[in-house]
Amino acid sequence: MNNSQRSSRQSGTRADGRSSHSSSRRSGSDRQTYEHYLALAREKSSAGERIEAENYYQHAEHYFRLMAAPAPRTPVA
């Protein structure tokens, strides 16, 4: 691996300048993202792919915790 490949891998950009993470980013509410990952986990689980299913369950749990967290309070001036 040459230096340019190494630096682009570290920065998350590809040789064509696009982000290597753009396809994994989800837009939408936390609830939609939670449901999306939960559906992926169930799909992988039913296909017998336990490790991938666990990965998606952990992603879903992250968004579940975000939804369950209390909303931050804004100070009254």
N, C-alpha and C. Protein backbone atom coordinates (compact mmCIF):
# COMPACT_ATOMS: atom_id res chain seq x y z
N MET A 1 0.86 -1.17 0.00
CA MET A 1 0.00 0.00 0.00
C MET A 1 0.90 1.22 0.00
N ASN A 2 0.67 2.15 -0.93
CA ASN A 2 1.50 3.35 -0.98
C ASN A 2 0.95 4.43 -0.04
N ASN A 3 1.69 5.51 0.10
CA ASN A 3 1.32 6.56 1.06
C ASN A 3 -0.02 7.21 0.73
N SER A 4 -0.31 7.43 -0.55
CA SER A 4 -1.58 8.07 -0.89
C SER A 4 -2.76 7.15 -0.57
N GLN A 5 -2.60 5.87 -0.78
CA GLN A 5 -3.67 4.92 -0.42
C GLN A 5 -3.85 4.90 1.09
N ARG A 6 -2.75 4.92 1.82
CA ARG A 6 -2.81 4.88 3.28
C ARG A 6 -3.50 6.13 3.81
N SER A 7 -3.13 7.31 3.31
CA SER A 7 -3.72 8.54 3.81
C SER A 7 -5.20 8.66 3.44
N SER A 8 -5.57 8.19 2.24
CA SER A 8 -6.98 8.26 1.87
C SER A 8 -7.80 7.28 2.68
N ARG A 9 -7.22 6.15 3.04
CA ARG A 9 -7.93 5.19 3.87
C ARG A 9 -8.15 5.76 5.27
N GLN A 10 -7.16 6.48 5.78
CA GLN A 10 -7.29 7.07 7.10
C GLN A 10 -8.30 8.21 7.11
N SER A 11 -8.39 8.97 6.03
CA SER A 11 -9.29 10.12 6.01
C SER A 11 -10.71 9.73 5.63
N GLY A 12 -10.93 8.52 5.13
CA GLY A 12 -12.27 8.10 4.75
C GLY A 12 -12.66 8.52 3.35
N THR A 13 -11.69 8.96 2.54
CA THR A 13 -12.00 9.34 1.16
C THR A 13 -11.40 8.32 0.21
N ARG A 14 -12.04 8.21 -0.91
CA ARG A 14 -11.55 7.28 -1.94
C ARG A 14 -10.70 8.04 -2.94
N ALA A 15 -10.09 7.32 -3.86
CA ALA A 15 -9.24 7.93 -4.86
C ALA A 15 -10.01 8.94 -5.72
N ASP A 16 -11.32 8.72 -5.93
CA ASP A 16 -12.11 9.64 -6.74
C ASP A 16 -12.62 10.83 -5.93
N GLY A 17 -12.21 10.93 -4.64
CA GLY A 17 -12.58 12.08 -3.83
C GLY A 17 -13.86 11.94 -3.05
N ARG A 18 -14.64 10.90 -3.33
CA ARG A 18 -15.90 10.71 -2.61
C ARG A 18 -15.61 10.02 -1.29
N SER A 19 -16.49 10.23 -0.35
CA SER A 19 -16.34 9.59 0.95
C SER A 19 -16.60 8.10 0.84
N SER A 20 -15.77 7.32 1.51
CA SER A 20 -15.98 5.87 1.49
C SER A 20 -17.11 5.47 2.41
N HIS A 21 -17.58 6.41 3.23
CA HIS A 21 -18.63 6.11 4.20
C HIS A 21 -20.00 6.63 3.76
N SER A 22 -20.09 7.26 2.61
CA SER A 22 -21.34 7.91 2.24
C SER A 22 -22.49 6.92 2.08
N SER A 23 -22.23 5.72 1.61
CA SER A 23 -23.32 4.78 1.42
C SER A 23 -23.80 4.19 2.73
N SER A 24 -22.97 4.25 3.79
CA SER A 24 -23.39 3.70 5.06
C SER A 24 -24.13 4.73 5.92
N ARG A 25 -24.11 5.97 5.52
CA ARG A 25 -24.80 7.01 6.29
C ARG A 25 -26.28 6.94 6.01
N ARG A 26 -27.06 7.12 7.07
CA ARG A 26 -28.51 7.08 6.94
C ARG A 26 -29.07 8.47 7.16
N SER A 27 -30.04 8.84 6.37
CA SER A 27 -30.74 10.08 6.65
C SER A 27 -32.10 9.70 7.23
N GLY A 28 -32.70 10.61 7.93
CA GLY A 28 -33.99 10.33 8.53
C GLY A 28 -33.90 10.39 10.04
N SER A 29 -35.03 10.12 10.66
CA SER A 29 -35.08 10.22 12.11
C SER A 29 -34.39 9.03 12.76
N ASP A 30 -34.12 9.18 14.06
CA ASP A 30 -33.52 8.08 14.81
C ASP A 30 -34.42 6.85 14.77
N ARG A 31 -35.72 7.07 14.82
CA ARG A 31 -36.67 5.95 14.80
C ARG A 31 -36.59 5.19 13.47
N GLN A 32 -36.53 5.93 12.37
CA GLN A 32 -36.43 5.29 11.06
C GLN A 32 -35.13 4.50 10.95
N THR A 33 -34.06 5.07 11.45
CA THR A 33 -32.77 4.40 11.39
C THR A 33 -32.78 3.15 12.26
N TYR A 34 -33.37 3.26 13.45
CA TYR A 34 -33.51 2.11 14.35
C TYR A 34 -34.27 0.99 13.65
N GLU A 35 -35.40 1.32 13.04
CA GLU A 35 -36.21 0.31 12.37
C GLU A 35 -35.48 -0.29 11.17
N HIS A 36 -34.70 0.53 10.48
CA HIS A 36 -33.93 0.05 9.33
C HIS A 36 -32.91 -1.01 9.78
N TYR A 37 -32.13 -0.68 10.82
CA TYR A 37 -31.13 -1.63 11.31
C TYR A 37 -31.77 -2.87 11.91
N LEU A 38 -32.89 -2.71 12.56
CA LEU A 38 -33.60 -3.86 13.12
C LEU A 38 -34.07 -4.79 12.00
N ALA A 39 -34.57 -4.22 10.92
CA ALA A 39 -35.00 -5.05 9.78
C ALA A 39 -33.82 -5.78 9.15
N LEU A 40 -32.69 -5.08 9.01
CA LEU A 40 -31.50 -5.72 8.47
C LEU A 40 -31.03 -6.86 9.38
N ALA A 41 -31.08 -6.63 10.68
CA ALA A 41 -30.66 -7.66 11.64
C ALA A 41 -31.56 -8.89 11.54
N ARG A 42 -32.86 -8.67 11.45
CA ARG A 42 -33.79 -9.80 11.33
C ARG A 42 -33.57 -10.57 10.03
N GLU A 43 -33.31 -9.83 8.97
CA GLU A 43 -33.06 -10.46 7.67
C GLU A 43 -31.81 -11.35 7.73
N LYS A 44 -30.73 -10.81 8.30
CA LYS A 44 -29.49 -11.58 8.41
C LYS A 44 -29.66 -12.76 9.35
N SER A 45 -30.42 -12.57 10.41
CA SER A 45 -30.65 -13.65 11.37
C SER A 45 -31.42 -14.79 10.72
N SER A 46 -32.44 -14.46 9.95
CA SER A 46 -33.23 -15.51 9.29
C SER A 46 -32.44 -16.21 8.20
N ALA A 47 -31.39 -15.53 7.68
CA ALA A 47 -30.53 -16.14 6.67
C ALA A 47 -29.41 -16.96 7.31
N GLY A 48 -29.38 -16.98 8.64
CA GLY A 48 -28.36 -17.76 9.35
C GLY A 48 -27.03 -17.05 9.50
N GLU A 49 -26.99 -15.77 9.22
CA GLU A 49 -25.75 -15.00 9.32
C GLU A 49 -25.73 -14.30 10.68
N ARG A 50 -25.35 -15.07 11.71
CA ARG A 50 -25.43 -14.60 13.09
C ARG A 50 -24.54 -13.42 13.39
N ILE A 51 -23.33 -13.41 12.87
CA ILE A 51 -22.40 -12.32 13.18
C ILE A 51 -22.87 -11.01 12.56
N GLU A 52 -23.28 -11.04 11.31
CA GLU A 52 -23.80 -9.83 10.68
C GLU A 52 -25.08 -9.37 11.37
N ALA A 53 -25.92 -10.33 11.76
CA ALA A 53 -27.15 -9.97 12.47
C ALA A 53 -26.81 -9.26 13.78
N GLU A 54 -25.86 -9.77 14.52
CA GLU A 54 -25.46 -9.14 15.79
C GLU A 54 -24.93 -7.74 15.56
N ASN A 55 -24.17 -7.53 14.50
CA ASN A 55 -23.68 -6.20 14.16
C ASN A 55 -24.85 -5.24 13.95
N TYR A 56 -25.84 -5.64 13.19
CA TYR A 56 -26.99 -4.78 12.94
C TYR A 56 -27.82 -4.59 14.20
N TYR A 57 -27.94 -5.61 15.05
CA TYR A 57 -28.65 -5.44 16.31
C TYR A 57 -27.95 -4.41 17.19
N GLN A 58 -26.63 -4.41 17.18
CA GLN A 58 -25.90 -3.42 17.96
C GLN A 58 -26.10 -2.01 17.42
N HIS A 59 -26.15 -1.87 16.10
CA HIS A 59 -26.45 -0.56 15.51
C HIS A 59 -27.86 -0.12 15.92
N ALA A 60 -28.82 -1.04 15.84
CA ALA A 60 -30.19 -0.72 16.22
C ALA A 60 -30.25 -0.30 17.69
N GLU A 61 -29.53 -1.00 18.54
CA GLU A 61 -29.52 -0.66 19.96
C GLU A 61 -29.00 0.75 20.18
N HIS A 62 -28.00 1.16 19.44
CA HIS A 62 -27.47 2.52 19.55
C HIS A 62 -28.57 3.54 19.30
N TYR A 63 -29.33 3.36 18.24
CA TYR A 63 -30.40 4.31 17.93
C TYR A 63 -31.55 4.20 18.91
N PHE A 64 -31.79 3.02 19.45
CA PHE A 64 -32.80 2.86 20.48
C PHE A 64 -32.42 3.69 21.71
N ARG A 65 -31.14 3.64 22.08
CA ARG A 65 -30.68 4.42 23.23
C ARG A 65 -30.78 5.92 22.97
N LEU A 66 -30.51 6.33 21.73
CA LEU A 66 -30.66 7.74 21.39
C LEU A 66 -32.11 8.20 21.55
N MET A 67 -33.03 7.34 21.14
CA MET A 67 -34.45 7.69 21.27
C MET A 67 -34.87 7.73 22.73
N ALA A 68 -34.30 6.85 23.56
CA ALA A 68 -34.70 6.76 24.96
C ALA A 68 -34.06 7.83 25.83
N ALA A 69 -33.00 8.45 25.35
CA ALA A 69 -32.30 9.47 26.13
C ALA A 69 -33.18 10.70 26.29
N PRO A 70 -33.11 11.32 27.47
CA PRO A 70 -33.90 12.54 27.64
C PRO A 70 -33.37 13.65 26.74
N ALA A 71 -34.28 14.47 26.30
CA ALA A 71 -33.90 15.60 25.44
C ALA A 71 -33.07 16.58 26.24
N PRO A 72 -32.02 17.14 25.65
CA PRO A 72 -31.20 18.11 26.38
C PRO A 72 -32.02 19.38 26.69
N ARG A 73 -31.79 19.91 27.85
CA ARG A 73 -32.52 21.11 28.23
C ARG A 73 -31.75 22.34 27.78
N THR A 74 -32.48 23.34 27.36
CA THR A 74 -31.84 24.59 26.98
C THR A 74 -32.03 25.57 28.14
N PRO A 75 -30.98 26.26 28.52
CA PRO A 75 -31.09 27.20 29.64
C PRO A 75 -32.01 28.37 29.29
N VAL A 76 -32.77 28.79 30.27
CA VAL A 76 -33.65 29.94 30.09
C VAL A 76 -32.88 31.18 30.49
N ALA A 77 -32.84 32.15 29.58
CA ALA A 77 -32.04 33.36 29.84
C ALA A 77 -32.86 34.44 30.47
